[in-house]
C-alpha atoms as a PDB file:
ATOM      1  CA  UNK A   1     153.921 137.287 -14.373  1.00  0.00           C
ATOM      2  CA  UNK A   2     154.111 138.873 -10.931  1.00  0.00           C
ATOM      3  CA  UNK A   3     151.100 138.389  -8.711  1.00  0.00           C
ATOM      4  CA  UNK A   4     148.665 141.308  -8.673  1.00  0.00           C
ATOM      5  CA  UNK A   5     148.515 142.829  -5.201  1.00  0.00           C
ATOM      6  CA  UNK A   6     145.167 143.900  -3.830  1.00  0.00           C
ATOM      7  CA  UNK A   7     145.436 147.045  -1.732  1.00  0.00           C
ATOM      8  CA  UNK A   8     143.168 149.101   0.465  1.00  0.00           C
ATOM      9  CA  UNK A   9     144.487 152.658   0.627  1.00  0.00           C
ATOM     10  CA  UNK A  10     143.634 155.399   3.108  1.00  0.00           C
ATOM     11  CA  UNK A  11     144.934 158.873   2.292  1.00  0.00           C
ATOM     12  CA  UNK A  12     144.923 161.929   4.540  1.00  0.00           C
ATOM     13  CA  UNK A  13     145.775 165.220   2.847  1.00  0.00           C
ATOM     14  CA  UNK A  14     147.031 167.865   5.274  1.00  0.00           C
ATOM     15  CA  UNK A  15     146.638 171.143   3.389  1.00  0.00           C
ATOM     16  CA  UNK A  16     147.936 174.505   4.550  1.00  0.00           C
ATOM     17  CA  UNK A  17     144.808 176.643   4.246  1.00  0.00           C
ATOM     18  CA  UNK A  18     146.390 180.070   4.661  1.00  0.00           C
ATOM     19  CA  UNK A  19     146.018 182.919   2.200  1.00  0.00           C
ATOM     20  CA  UNK A  20     149.022 182.137   0.011  1.00  0.00           C
ATOM     21  CA  UNK A  21     147.930 178.540  -0.616  1.00  0.00           C
ATOM     22  CA  UNK A  22     145.160 179.318  -3.105  1.00  0.00           C
ATOM     23  CA  UNK A  23     146.985 177.665  -6.061  1.00  0.00           C
ATOM     24  CA  UNK A  24     147.449 174.385  -4.164  1.00  0.00           C
ATOM     25  CA  UNK A  25     143.862 174.278  -2.931  1.00  0.00           C
ATOM     26  CA  UNK A  26     142.593 175.045  -6.439  1.00  0.00           C
ATOM     27  CA  UNK A  27     144.833 172.325  -7.882  1.00  0.00           C
ATOM     28  CA  UNK A  28     143.484 169.680  -5.501  1.00  0.00           C
ATOM     29  CA  UNK A  29     139.927 170.899  -6.062  1.00  0.00           C
ATOM     30  CA  UNK A  30     140.250 170.713  -9.854  1.00  0.00           C
ATOM     31  CA  UNK A  31     141.422 167.089  -9.698  1.00  0.00           C
ATOM     32  CA  UNK A  32     138.936 165.802  -7.124  1.00  0.00           C
ATOM     33  CA  UNK A  33     136.618 164.337  -9.774  1.00  0.00           C
ATOM     34  CA  UNK A  34     139.389 162.286 -11.430  1.00  0.00           C
ATOM     35  CA  UNK A  35     141.383 161.480  -8.290  1.00  0.00           C
ATOM     36  CA  UNK A  36     140.046 157.941  -7.914  1.00  0.00           C
ATOM     37  CA  UNK A  37     140.556 157.065 -11.575  1.00  0.00           C
ATOM     38  CA  UNK A  38     144.045 158.601 -11.631  1.00  0.00           C
ATOM     39  CA  UNK A  39     145.250 156.618  -8.625  1.00  0.00           C
ATOM     40  CA  UNK A  40     143.587 153.327  -9.536  1.00  0.00           C
ATOM     41  CA  UNK A  41     144.785 153.449 -13.153  1.00  0.00           C
ATOM     42  CA  UNK A  42     148.405 154.241 -12.298  1.00  0.00           C
ATOM     43  CA  UNK A  43     148.498 151.611  -9.553  1.00  0.00           C
ATOM     44  CA  UNK A  44     147.223 148.977 -11.998  1.00  0.00           C
ATOM     45  CA  UNK A  45     149.271 149.881 -15.073  1.00  0.00           C
ATOM     46  CA  UNK A  46     152.579 150.799 -13.437  1.00  0.00           C
ATOM     47  CA  UNK A  47     152.627 148.968 -10.108  1.00  0.00           C
ATOM     48  CA  UNK A  48     150.626 145.778 -10.736  1.00  0.00           C
ATOM     49  CA  UNK A  49     148.266 146.613  -7.886  1.00  0.00           C
ATOM     50  CA  UNK A  50     144.492 146.550  -7.734  1.00  0.00           C
ATOM     51  CA  UNK A  51     143.003 149.133  -5.390  1.00  0.00           C
ATOM     52  CA  UNK A  52     139.978 147.492  -3.801  1.00  0.00           C
ATOM     53  CA  UNK A  53     139.165 150.392  -1.464  1.00  0.00           C
ATOM     54  CA  UNK A  54     140.241 154.039  -1.547  1.00  0.00           C
ATOM     55  CA  UNK A  55     139.332 156.504   1.185  1.00  0.00           C
ATOM     56  CA  UNK A  56     140.479 160.098   1.498  1.00  0.00           C
ATOM     57  CA  UNK A  57     140.309 162.641   4.307  1.00  0.00           C
ATOM     58  CA  UNK A  58     141.295 166.326   4.383  1.00  0.00           C
ATOM     59  CA  UNK A  59     142.948 168.104   7.322  1.00  0.00           C
ATOM     60  CA  UNK A  60     143.145 171.849   6.765  1.00  0.00           C
ATOM     61  CA  UNK A  61     145.561 173.763   8.986  1.00  0.00           C
ATOM     62  CA  UNK A  62     146.499 177.362   9.641  1.00  0.00           C
ATOM     63  CA  UNK A  63     147.980 178.965  12.806  1.00  0.00           C
ATOM     64  CA  UNK A  64     146.495 177.762  16.098  1.00  0.00           C
ATOM     65  CA  UNK A  65     147.375 181.009  17.833  1.00  0.00           C
ATOM     66  CA  UNK A  66     146.026 183.395  15.204  1.00  0.00           C
ATOM     67  CA  UNK A  67     143.215 181.681  13.289  1.00  0.00           C
ATOM     68  CA  UNK A  68     139.732 180.496  14.179  1.00  0.00           C
ATOM     69  CA  UNK A  69     139.217 176.826  13.268  1.00  0.00           C
ATOM     70  CA  UNK A  70     142.951 176.519  12.675  1.00  0.00           C
ATOM     71  CA  UNK A  71     142.784 172.735  12.276  1.00  0.00           C
ATOM     72  CA  UNK A  72     139.712 171.212  10.635  1.00  0.00           C
ATOM     73  CA  UNK A  73     139.366 167.507   9.832  1.00  0.00           C
ATOM     74  CA  UNK A  74     136.814 166.197   7.351  1.00  0.00           C
ATOM     75  CA  UNK A  75     135.216 162.788   7.420  1.00  0.00           C
ATOM     76  CA  UNK A  76     136.721 160.042   5.285  1.00  0.00           C
ATOM     77  CA  UNK A  77     135.289 160.037   1.770  1.00  0.00           C
ATOM     78  CA  UNK A  78     134.967 156.580   0.197  1.00  0.00           C
ATOM     79  CA  UNK A  79     135.850 156.869  -3.474  1.00  0.00           C
ATOM     80  CA  UNK A  80     134.431 156.705  -6.050  1.00  0.00           C
ATOM     81  CA  UNK A  81     130.978 156.713  -4.412  1.00  0.00           C
ATOM     82  CA  UNK A  82     131.678 159.872  -2.362  1.00  0.00           C
ATOM     83  CA  UNK A  83     133.394 161.837  -5.128  1.00  0.00           C
ATOM     84  CA  UNK A  84     130.678 164.497  -5.225  1.00  0.00           C
ATOM     85  CA  UNK A  85     130.920 164.969  -1.451  1.00  0.00           C
ATOM     86  CA  UNK A  86     134.713 165.167  -1.700  1.00  0.00           C
ATOM     87  CA  UNK A  87     134.412 167.873  -4.371  1.00  0.00           C
ATOM     88  CA  UNK A  88     131.815 169.749  -2.354  1.00  0.00           C
ATOM     89  CA  UNK A  89     134.023 169.699   0.716  1.00  0.00           C
ATOM     90  CA  UNK A  90     137.046 171.033  -1.182  1.00  0.00           C
ATOM     91  CA  UNK A  91     134.868 173.798  -2.609  1.00  0.00           C
ATOM     92  CA  UNK A  92     134.201 174.902   0.963  1.00  0.00           C
ATOM     93  CA  UNK A  93     137.917 175.258   1.788  1.00  0.00           C
ATOM     94  CA  UNK A  94     138.812 178.927   1.407  1.00  0.00           C
ATOM     95  CA  UNK A  95     142.418 180.155   1.688  1.00  0.00           C
ATOM     96  CA  UNK A  96     142.563 182.661   4.539  1.00  0.00           C
ATOM     97  CA  UNK A  97     144.504 183.753   7.586  1.00  0.00           C
ATOM     98  CA  UNK A  98     147.977 182.785   8.651  1.00  0.00           C
ATOM     99  CA  UNK A  99     150.129 184.343  11.302  1.00  0.00           C
ATOM    100  CA  UNK A 100     153.872 184.825  11.448  1.00  0.00           C
ATOM    101  CA  UNK A 101     154.893 182.859   8.325  1.00  0.00           C
ATOM    102  CA  UNK A 102     154.907 179.645  10.346  1.00  0.00           C
ATOM    103  CA  UNK A 103     151.830 177.459  10.580  1.00  0.00           C
ATOM    104  CA  UNK A 104     150.561 174.587  12.743  1.00  0.00           C
ATOM    105  CA  UNK A 105     151.573 171.808  10.389  1.00  0.00           C
ATOM    106  CA  UNK A 106     153.053 169.504  13.034  1.00  0.00           C
ATOM    107  CA  UNK A 107     149.750 169.500  14.881  1.00  0.00           C
ATOM    108  CA  UNK A 108     148.018 168.745  11.575  1.00  0.00           C
ATOM    109  CA  UNK A 109     150.337 165.771  11.053  1.00  0.00           C
ATOM    110  CA  UNK A 110     149.549 164.519  14.546  1.00  0.00           C
ATOM    111  CA  UNK A 111     145.827 164.888  13.796  1.00  0.00           C
ATOM    112  CA  UNK A 112     146.342 162.777  10.677  1.00  0.00           C
ATOM    113  CA  UNK A 113     148.439 160.147  12.459  1.00  0.00           C
ATOM    114  CA  UNK A 114     145.738 159.607  15.070  1.00  0.00           C
ATOM    115  CA  UNK A 115     142.773 159.477  12.703  1.00  0.00           C
ATOM    116  CA  UNK A 116     140.590 156.386  12.221  1.00  0.00           C
ATOM    117  CA  UNK A 117     142.627 154.309   9.785  1.00  0.00           C
ATOM    118  CA  UNK A 118     141.077 151.161   8.308  1.00  0.00           C
ATOM    119  CA  UNK A 119     143.761 149.939   5.894  1.00  0.00           C
ATOM    120  CA  UNK A 120     145.988 147.684   8.000  1.00  0.00           C
ATOM    121  CA  UNK A 121     146.485 144.544   5.918  1.00  0.00           C
ATOM    122  CA  UNK A 122     149.792 143.219   4.588  1.00  0.00           C
ATOM    123  CA  UNK A 123     149.518 145.115   1.282  1.00  0.00           C
ATOM    124  CA  UNK A 124     147.392 148.013   2.496  1.00  0.00           C
ATOM    125  CA  UNK A 125     148.650 151.560   2.843  1.00  0.00           C
ATOM    126  CA  UNK A 126     148.052 154.548   5.125  1.00  0.00           C
ATOM    127  CA  UNK A 127     149.373 157.629   3.334  1.00  0.00           C
ATOM    128  CA  UNK A 128     149.702 161.111   4.792  1.00  0.00           C
ATOM    129  CA  UNK A 129     150.443 163.980   2.418  1.00  0.00           C
ATOM    130  CA  UNK A 130     151.251 167.447   3.682  1.00  0.00           C
ATOM    131  CA  UNK A 131     151.210 170.507   1.434  1.00  0.00           C
ATOM    132  CA  UNK A 132     152.570 173.859   2.621  1.00  0.00           C
ATOM    133  CA  UNK A 133     154.644 176.758   1.345  1.00  0.00           C
ATOM    134  CA  UNK A 134     155.731 177.828   4.843  1.00  0.00           C
ATOM    135  CA  UNK A 135     157.703 176.522   7.812  1.00  0.00           C
ATOM    136  CA  UNK A 136     156.094 174.863  10.834  1.00  0.00           C
ATOM    137  CA  UNK A 137     155.728 176.160  14.365  1.00  0.00           C
ATOM    138  CA  UNK A 138     158.045 173.832  16.267  1.00  0.00           C
ATOM    139  CA  UNK A 139     156.867 171.975  19.349  1.00  0.00           C
ATOM    140  CA  UNK A 140     157.140 174.196  22.418  1.00  0.00           C
ATOM    141  CA  UNK A 141     157.714 177.369  20.420  1.00  0.00           C
ATOM    142  CA  UNK A 142     154.388 178.877  21.462  1.00  0.00           C
ATOM    143  CA  UNK A 143     153.737 176.884  24.618  1.00  0.00           C
ATOM    144  CA  UNK A 144     151.819 178.979  27.108  1.00  0.00           C
ATOM    145  CA  UNK A 145     150.998 181.729  24.611  1.00  0.00           C
ATOM    146  CA  UNK A 146     147.466 183.104  24.796  1.00  0.00           C
ATOM    147  CA  UNK A 147     145.145 181.271  22.437  1.00  0.00           C
ATOM    148  CA  UNK A 148     147.590 178.482  21.629  1.00  0.00           C
ATOM    149  CA  UNK A 149     146.325 175.020  22.637  1.00  0.00           C
ATOM    150  CA  UNK A 150     149.016 172.368  22.955  1.00  0.00           C
ATOM    151  CA  UNK A 151     147.862 169.306  21.042  1.00  0.00           C
ATOM    152  CA  UNK A 152     150.918 167.156  21.700  1.00  0.00           C
ATOM    153  CA  UNK A 153     154.650 167.380  22.395  1.00  0.00           C
ATOM    154  CA  UNK A 154     157.598 166.136  20.362  1.00  0.00           C
ATOM    155  CA  UNK A 155     157.969 162.903  22.363  1.00  0.00           C
ATOM    156  CA  UNK A 156     154.331 161.925  21.812  1.00  0.00           C
ATOM    157  CA  UNK A 157     154.583 162.921  18.165  1.00  0.00           C
ATOM    158  CA  UNK A 158     157.550 160.690  17.400  1.00  0.00           C
ATOM    159  CA  UNK A 159     156.277 157.791  19.522  1.00  0.00           C
ATOM    160  CA  UNK A 160     152.975 157.961  17.635  1.00  0.00           C
ATOM    161  CA  UNK A 161     154.726 157.743  14.269  1.00  0.00           C
ATOM    162  CA  UNK A 162     156.957 154.931  15.554  1.00  0.00           C
ATOM    163  CA  UNK A 163     153.848 152.945  16.597  1.00  0.00           C
ATOM    164  CA  UNK A 164     155.194 152.656  20.151  1.00  0.00           C
ATOM    165  CA  UNK A 165     151.987 153.439  22.029  1.00  0.00           C
ATOM    166  CA  UNK A 166     150.747 149.874  22.479  1.00  0.00           C
ATOM    167  CA  UNK A 167     146.988 149.547  22.155  1.00  0.00           C
ATOM    168  CA  UNK A 168     146.717 153.274  21.370  1.00  0.00           C
ATOM    169  CA  UNK A 169     148.421 152.768  18.009  1.00  0.00           C
ATOM    170  CA  UNK A 170     146.218 153.659  15.049  1.00  0.00           C
ATOM    171  CA  UNK A 171     148.969 153.634  12.472  1.00  0.00           C
ATOM    172  CA  UNK A 172     150.333 150.378  11.094  1.00  0.00           C
ATOM    173  CA  UNK A 173     154.137 150.202  10.939  1.00  0.00           C
ATOM    174  CA  UNK A 174     154.020 148.326   7.651  1.00  0.00           C
ATOM    175  CA  UNK A 175     151.247 150.398   6.050  1.00  0.00           C
ATOM    176  CA  UNK A 176     152.215 153.956   7.044  1.00  0.00           C
ATOM    177  CA  UNK A 177     153.741 156.391   4.564  1.00  0.00           C
ATOM    178  CA  UNK A 178     154.444 160.141   4.761  1.00  0.00           C
ATOM    179  CA  UNK A 179     154.995 162.542   1.856  1.00  0.00           C
ATOM    180  CA  UNK A 180     155.760 166.186   2.631  1.00  0.00           C
ATOM    181  CA  UNK A 181     155.767 169.043   0.145  1.00  0.00           C
ATOM    182  CA  UNK A 182     157.315 172.073   1.854  1.00  0.00           C
ATOM    183  CA  UNK A 183     160.141 174.586   1.451  1.00  0.00           C
ATOM    184  CA  UNK A 184     163.671 173.301   1.993  1.00  0.00           C
ATOM    185  CA  UNK A 185     165.546 173.923   5.248  1.00  0.00           C
ATOM    186  CA  UNK A 186     162.422 173.904   7.387  1.00  0.00           C
ATOM    187  CA  UNK A 187     161.187 171.805  10.286  1.00  0.00           C
ATOM    188  CA  UNK A 188     159.596 169.492   7.717  1.00  0.00           C
ATOM    189  CA  UNK A 189     162.750 168.775   5.754  1.00  0.00           C
ATOM    190  CA  UNK A 190     164.412 167.737   9.016  1.00  0.00           C
ATOM    191  CA  UNK A 191     161.531 165.445  10.011  1.00  0.00           C
ATOM    192  CA  UNK A 192     162.288 162.864   7.359  1.00  0.00           C
ATOM    193  CA  UNK A 193     165.618 162.127   9.015  1.00  0.00           C
ATOM    194  CA  UNK A 194     163.763 161.050  12.164  1.00  0.00           C
ATOM    195  CA  UNK A 195     160.672 159.410  10.661  1.00  0.00           C
ATOM    196  CA  UNK A 196     160.924 156.190   8.686  1.00  0.00           C
ATOM    197  CA  UNK A 197     158.882 155.597   5.538  1.00  0.00           C
ATOM    198  CA  UNK A 198     158.814 159.329   4.835  1.00  0.00           C
ATOM    199  CA  UNK A 199     159.810 161.520   1.888  1.00  0.00           C
ATOM    200  CA  UNK A 200     160.263 165.238   1.382  1.00  0.00           C
ATOM    201  CA  UNK A 201     159.878 167.299  -1.784  1.00  0.00           C
ATOM    202  CA  UNK A 202     161.044 170.918  -1.689  1.00  0.00           C
ATOM    203  CA  UNK A 203     158.721 173.659  -2.978  1.00  0.00           C
ATOM    204  CA  UNK A 204     159.139 177.379  -3.589  1.00  0.00           C
ATOM    205  CA  UNK A 205     158.350 179.363  -0.390  1.00  0.00           C
ATOM    206  CA  UNK A 206     155.215 181.482  -0.310  1.00  0.00           C
ATOM    207  CA  UNK A 207     153.943 180.751  -3.822  1.00  0.00           C
ATOM    208  CA  UNK A 208     151.205 178.326  -2.822  1.00  0.00           C
ATOM    209  CA  UNK A 209     152.841 175.366  -4.588  1.00  0.00           C
ATOM    210  CA  UNK A 210     151.925 176.913  -7.941  1.00  0.00           C
ATOM    211  CA  UNK A 211     154.927 175.121  -9.465  1.00  0.00           C
ATOM    212  CA  UNK A 212     153.733 171.585  -8.599  1.00  0.00           C
ATOM    213  CA  UNK A 213     151.714 169.639 -11.171  1.00  0.00           C
ATOM    214  CA  UNK A 214     149.037 167.325  -9.796  1.00  0.00           C
ATOM    215  CA  UNK A 215     150.333 164.493 -11.976  1.00  0.00           C
ATOM    216  CA  UNK A 216     153.507 164.571  -9.878  1.00  0.00           C
ATOM    217  CA  UNK A 217     151.430 164.219  -6.707  1.00  0.00           C
ATOM    218  CA  UNK A 218     149.606 161.186  -8.114  1.00  0.00           C
ATOM    219  CA  UNK A 219     152.957 159.677  -9.102  1.00  0.00           C
ATOM    220  CA  UNK A 220     154.311 160.198  -5.588  1.00  0.00           C
ATOM    221  CA  UNK A 221     151.220 158.661  -3.990  1.00  0.00           C
ATOM    222  CA  UNK A 222     151.360 155.545  -6.146  1.00  0.00           C
ATOM    223  CA  UNK A 223     155.113 155.083  -5.832  1.00  0.00           C
ATOM    224  CA  UNK A 224     154.876 155.396  -2.074  1.00  0.00           C
ATOM    225  CA  UNK A 225     151.910 153.027  -1.903  1.00  0.00           C
ATOM    226  CA  UNK A 226     153.846 150.430  -3.876  1.00  0.00           C
ATOM    227  CA  UNK A 227     157.112 150.614  -1.940  1.00  0.00           C
ATOM    228  CA  UNK A 228     157.903 147.844   0.548  1.00  0.00           C
END
């Protein structure tokens, strides 16, 4: 029999929090209580992996130019002990706002990439998921516009993902994974061609990911966590 792999897994969910994304937010909220069990069970039964630690963080994003608190990052919740806090936090996320049909998802990804990751061992995983039904505001598109703070540029973004920042690296090249759910033919669908260890799944534009079952998300997480 193959050796069981022990894994510590950190997950950051970047969730588009604009008005149309109610179905996605509700879907995540409804599965918060069983999230730990769902991941741990599938990892054990289908991927011969024992999850020894599971932490999850939520980054909610909207439009930096148009919305107050356009990017909000939670603490890391250690599951299963923090499940109630995780649920309570998701209950506080209300779909609202949004600007010109493009949102600040790239800045949300950068926020996730530079968070405080702990899982850096040989079999550990750092997984970023992004959920949106809209395109992203590209780097430089709103530079200099009133109310738009520049978090990073495209060079810094790609160097961060490539773990080329020396001692500033927080991601682990071996552990990092990226899963993006977004409409096709957007900035996001092009990212995967430039970012290793990343996957893209196309969703229907502007329907809040109502067509995506949470079981599919769990499957994607576990498959990504198990890939070499």
